[in-house]
Amino acid sequence: MKSIRWGWVLLGGLVAELLIFAIAIPIAIFAGERSLLYTAPTASLIATFLCGCVVAKKEAFPSRQSGLPAGTDPSNSMSLASR
């Protein structure tokens, strides 16, 4: 847990939220409020994926990036394969 850069994680989450608002609100203004049912989930997916990729590139150990989407750490000695 010491190697996690929590500042980058929090900054990435904040930027993702701002991107969601920047994408969804203008579309809702021009297309109507019901468009939020479609644009908000799509904007959430895109913004969190992009910000997650940027934050993951800051990772000091590139081998850990492969486990980030699944929430696992392949360098962990307590993995299921080693049991």
N, C-alpha and C. Protein backbone atom coordinates (compact mmCIF):
# COMPACT_ATOMS: atom_id res chain seq x y z
N MET A 1 0.81 -1.20 0.00
CA MET A 1 0.00 0.00 0.00
C MET A 1 0.86 1.27 0.00
N LYS A 2 2.12 1.15 0.39
CA LYS A 2 2.97 2.33 0.42
C LYS A 2 3.33 2.81 -0.98
N SER A 3 3.33 1.91 -1.96
CA SER A 3 3.73 2.31 -3.30
C SER A 3 2.59 2.96 -4.09
N ILE A 4 1.38 2.92 -3.56
CA ILE A 4 0.26 3.56 -4.26
C ILE A 4 0.36 5.07 -4.09
N ARG A 5 0.28 5.76 -5.16
CA ARG A 5 0.35 7.22 -5.12
C ARG A 5 -1.07 7.76 -5.01
N TRP A 6 -1.52 7.92 -3.78
CA TRP A 6 -2.91 8.29 -3.53
C TRP A 6 -3.24 9.67 -4.06
N GLY A 7 -2.28 10.55 -4.14
CA GLY A 7 -2.53 11.88 -4.71
C GLY A 7 -2.94 11.79 -6.18
N TRP A 8 -2.24 10.92 -6.94
CA TRP A 8 -2.59 10.74 -8.35
C TRP A 8 -3.95 10.07 -8.48
N VAL A 9 -4.25 9.14 -7.59
CA VAL A 9 -5.55 8.45 -7.64
C VAL A 9 -6.68 9.45 -7.39
N LEU A 10 -6.53 10.28 -6.38
CA LEU A 10 -7.56 11.28 -6.07
C LEU A 10 -7.68 12.31 -7.19
N LEU A 11 -6.54 12.74 -7.72
CA LEU A 11 -6.57 13.71 -8.83
C LEU A 11 -7.25 13.09 -10.06
N GLY A 12 -6.94 11.83 -10.35
CA GLY A 12 -7.58 11.16 -11.48
C GLY A 12 -9.08 11.04 -11.30
N GLY A 13 -9.52 10.73 -10.08
CA GLY A 13 -10.96 10.65 -9.81
C GLY A 13 -11.65 12.00 -9.95
N LEU A 14 -11.00 13.05 -9.47
CA LEU A 14 -11.57 14.40 -9.59
C LEU A 14 -11.67 14.82 -11.05
N VAL A 15 -10.62 14.57 -11.81
CA VAL A 15 -10.64 14.93 -13.24
C VAL A 15 -11.69 14.11 -13.98
N ALA A 16 -11.86 12.85 -13.61
CA ALA A 16 -12.88 12.01 -14.25
C ALA A 16 -14.27 12.59 -13.99
N GLU A 17 -14.53 13.00 -12.76
CA GLU A 17 -15.84 13.60 -12.45
C GLU A 17 -16.06 14.89 -13.24
N LEU A 18 -15.03 15.71 -13.34
CA LEU A 18 -15.17 16.95 -14.11
C LEU A 18 -15.43 16.66 -15.58
N LEU A 19 -14.77 15.64 -16.12
CA LEU A 19 -15.02 15.25 -17.51
C LEU A 19 -16.44 14.76 -17.72
N ILE A 20 -16.95 14.02 -16.76
CA ILE A 20 -18.34 13.53 -16.86
C ILE A 20 -19.30 14.71 -16.93
N PHE A 21 -19.10 15.69 -16.05
CA PHE A 21 -19.97 16.87 -16.08
C PHE A 21 -19.78 17.65 -17.38
N ALA A 22 -18.54 17.76 -17.85
CA ALA A 22 -18.26 18.52 -19.08
C ALA A 22 -18.87 17.84 -20.30
N ILE A 23 -19.02 16.54 -20.27
CA ILE A 23 -19.61 15.83 -21.41
C ILE A 23 -21.14 15.78 -21.30
N ALA A 24 -21.64 15.42 -20.12
CA ALA A 24 -23.07 15.12 -19.98
C ALA A 24 -23.95 16.37 -19.91
N ILE A 25 -23.51 17.40 -19.23
CA ILE A 25 -24.38 18.57 -19.03
C ILE A 25 -24.64 19.33 -20.34
N PRO A 26 -23.63 19.62 -21.18
CA PRO A 26 -23.96 20.29 -22.44
C PRO A 26 -24.89 19.46 -23.34
N ILE A 27 -24.70 18.16 -23.35
CA ILE A 27 -25.59 17.31 -24.15
C ILE A 27 -27.00 17.36 -23.60
N ALA A 28 -27.14 17.37 -22.27
CA ALA A 28 -28.46 17.44 -21.65
C ALA A 28 -29.14 18.78 -21.94
N ILE A 29 -28.36 19.84 -22.03
CA ILE A 29 -28.94 21.15 -22.32
C ILE A 29 -29.49 21.19 -23.74
N PHE A 30 -28.74 20.65 -24.68
CA PHE A 30 -29.16 20.72 -26.09
C PHE A 30 -30.12 19.60 -26.49
N ALA A 31 -29.98 18.42 -25.92
CA ALA A 31 -30.81 17.27 -26.34
C ALA A 31 -31.96 16.98 -25.39
N GLY A 32 -31.98 17.61 -24.25
CA GLY A 32 -33.05 17.37 -23.30
C GLY A 32 -32.57 16.55 -22.11
N GLU A 33 -33.35 16.64 -21.05
CA GLU A 33 -32.97 15.99 -19.80
C GLU A 33 -32.96 14.47 -19.89
N ARG A 34 -33.83 13.91 -20.72
CA ARG A 34 -33.89 12.45 -20.83
C ARG A 34 -32.63 11.87 -21.49
N SER A 35 -31.87 12.69 -22.16
CA SER A 35 -30.64 12.20 -22.78
C SER A 35 -29.59 11.81 -21.73
N LEU A 36 -29.76 12.28 -20.49
CA LEU A 36 -28.83 11.91 -19.43
C LEU A 36 -28.86 10.42 -19.13
N LEU A 37 -29.98 9.76 -19.43
CA LEU A 37 -30.07 8.32 -19.21
C LEU A 37 -29.07 7.56 -20.07
N TYR A 38 -28.68 8.14 -21.18
CA TYR A 38 -27.74 7.49 -22.10
C TYR A 38 -26.35 8.09 -22.03
N THR A 39 -26.28 9.41 -21.87
CA THR A 39 -24.97 10.06 -21.91
C THR A 39 -24.19 9.94 -20.61
N ALA A 40 -24.86 9.96 -19.48
CA ALA A 40 -24.15 9.90 -18.20
C ALA A 40 -23.39 8.58 -18.01
N PRO A 41 -24.01 7.41 -18.25
CA PRO A 41 -23.23 6.18 -18.11
C PRO A 41 -22.10 6.07 -19.14
N THR A 42 -22.35 6.53 -20.35
CA THR A 42 -21.30 6.48 -21.38
C THR A 42 -20.16 7.43 -21.03
N ALA A 43 -20.50 8.62 -20.58
CA ALA A 43 -19.47 9.58 -20.17
C ALA A 43 -18.68 9.06 -18.97
N SER A 44 -19.36 8.38 -18.06
CA SER A 44 -18.67 7.80 -16.90
C SER A 44 -17.67 6.74 -17.33
N LEU A 45 -18.08 5.88 -18.24
CA LEU A 45 -17.20 4.82 -18.73
C LEU A 45 -15.96 5.41 -19.41
N ILE A 46 -16.18 6.36 -20.29
CA ILE A 46 -15.07 6.95 -21.05
C ILE A 46 -14.13 7.73 -20.14
N ALA A 47 -14.69 8.57 -19.28
CA ALA A 47 -13.85 9.44 -18.43
C ALA A 47 -13.05 8.63 -17.42
N THR A 48 -13.67 7.65 -16.78
CA THR A 48 -12.92 6.87 -15.79
C THR A 48 -11.88 5.98 -16.46
N PHE A 49 -12.18 5.47 -17.65
CA PHE A 49 -11.19 4.66 -18.35
C PHE A 49 -9.98 5.50 -18.74
N LEU A 50 -10.21 6.67 -19.32
CA LEU A 50 -9.10 7.53 -19.74
C LEU A 50 -8.27 8.01 -18.56
N CYS A 51 -8.93 8.44 -17.50
CA CYS A 51 -8.19 8.91 -16.32
C CYS A 51 -7.48 7.75 -15.63
N GLY A 52 -8.08 6.57 -15.64
CA GLY A 52 -7.42 5.39 -15.07
C GLY A 52 -6.18 5.02 -15.85
N CYS A 53 -6.22 5.15 -17.15
CA CYS A 53 -5.03 4.87 -17.98
C CYS A 53 -3.92 5.86 -17.68
N VAL A 54 -4.27 7.12 -17.52
CA VAL A 54 -3.26 8.13 -17.23
C VAL A 54 -2.63 7.87 -15.86
N VAL A 55 -3.45 7.56 -14.87
CA VAL A 55 -2.93 7.30 -13.52
C VAL A 55 -2.09 6.02 -13.52
N ALA A 56 -2.50 5.00 -14.27
CA ALA A 56 -1.77 3.73 -14.32
C ALA A 56 -0.42 3.89 -15.00
N LYS A 57 -0.28 4.84 -15.91
CA LYS A 57 1.01 5.06 -16.56
C LYS A 57 2.03 5.61 -15.58
N LYS A 58 1.57 6.20 -14.50
CA LYS A 58 2.48 6.73 -13.49
C LYS A 58 3.01 5.62 -12.58
N GLU A 59 2.50 4.41 -12.72
CA GLU A 59 2.92 3.29 -11.88
C GLU A 59 4.40 3.00 -12.08
N ALA A 60 5.11 2.82 -10.99
CA ALA A 60 6.55 2.58 -11.05
C ALA A 60 6.89 1.19 -11.57
N PHE A 61 6.00 0.23 -11.37
CA PHE A 61 6.22 -1.15 -11.79
C PHE A 61 5.26 -1.49 -12.92
N PRO A 62 5.70 -1.47 -14.18
CA PRO A 62 4.81 -1.73 -15.31
C PRO A 62 4.15 -3.11 -15.27
N SER A 63 4.77 -4.08 -14.60
CA SER A 63 4.17 -5.41 -14.54
C SER A 63 2.87 -5.41 -13.75
N ARG A 64 2.70 -4.46 -12.88
CA ARG A 64 1.46 -4.37 -12.10
C ARG A 64 0.30 -3.83 -12.91
N GLN A 65 0.59 -3.15 -14.00
CA GLN A 65 -0.49 -2.57 -14.80
C GLN A 65 -1.39 -3.63 -15.41
N SER A 66 -0.87 -4.82 -15.64
CA SER A 66 -1.69 -5.85 -16.25
C SER A 66 -2.78 -6.32 -15.31
N GLY A 67 -2.58 -6.20 -14.02
CA GLY A 67 -3.58 -6.63 -13.06
C GLY A 67 -4.51 -5.53 -12.60
N LEU A 68 -4.24 -4.30 -13.00
CA LEU A 68 -5.06 -3.18 -12.55
C LEU A 68 -6.53 -3.29 -12.95
N PRO A 69 -6.87 -3.72 -14.19
CA PRO A 69 -8.30 -3.81 -14.52
C PRO A 69 -9.05 -4.83 -13.67
N ALA A 70 -8.37 -5.89 -13.24
CA ALA A 70 -9.03 -6.91 -12.44
C ALA A 70 -8.87 -6.65 -10.95
N GLY A 71 -8.08 -5.67 -10.58
CA GLY A 71 -7.86 -5.37 -9.18
C GLY A 71 -6.92 -6.35 -8.51
N THR A 72 -6.06 -6.99 -9.28
CA THR A 72 -5.10 -7.94 -8.71
C THR A 72 -3.68 -7.45 -8.92
N ASP A 73 -2.77 -8.03 -8.19
CA ASP A 73 -1.36 -7.67 -8.29
C ASP A 73 -0.58 -8.92 -8.69
N PRO A 74 -0.14 -9.02 -9.95
CA PRO A 74 0.56 -10.23 -10.39
C PRO A 74 1.89 -10.45 -9.69
N SER A 75 2.48 -9.42 -9.09
CA SER A 75 3.75 -9.59 -8.40
C SER A 75 3.57 -10.04 -6.95
N ASN A 76 2.33 -10.21 -6.54
CA ASN A 76 2.04 -10.63 -5.17
C ASN A 76 2.42 -12.08 -4.98
N SER A 77 3.16 -12.40 -3.93
CA SER A 77 3.60 -13.76 -3.69
C SER A 77 2.47 -14.64 -3.16
N MET A 78 1.38 -14.06 -2.76
CA MET A 78 0.27 -14.83 -2.21
C MET A 78 -0.82 -15.07 -3.25
N SER A 79 -0.47 -15.08 -4.52
CA SER A 79 -1.46 -15.30 -5.56
C SER A 79 -1.95 -16.74 -5.54
N LEU A 80 -3.05 -16.99 -6.19
CA LEU A 80 -3.64 -18.32 -6.20
C LEU A 80 -2.76 -19.35 -6.90
N ALA A 81 -1.96 -18.92 -7.87
CA ALA A 81 -1.11 -19.85 -8.61
C ALA A 81 0.02 -20.39 -7.75
N SER A 82 0.43 -19.64 -6.75
CA SER A 82 1.55 -20.10 -5.93
C SER A 82 1.11 -20.97 -4.77
N ARG A 83 -0.16 -21.19 -4.58
CA ARG A 83 -0.64 -22.00 -3.44
C ARG A 83 -0.58 -23.44 -3.72
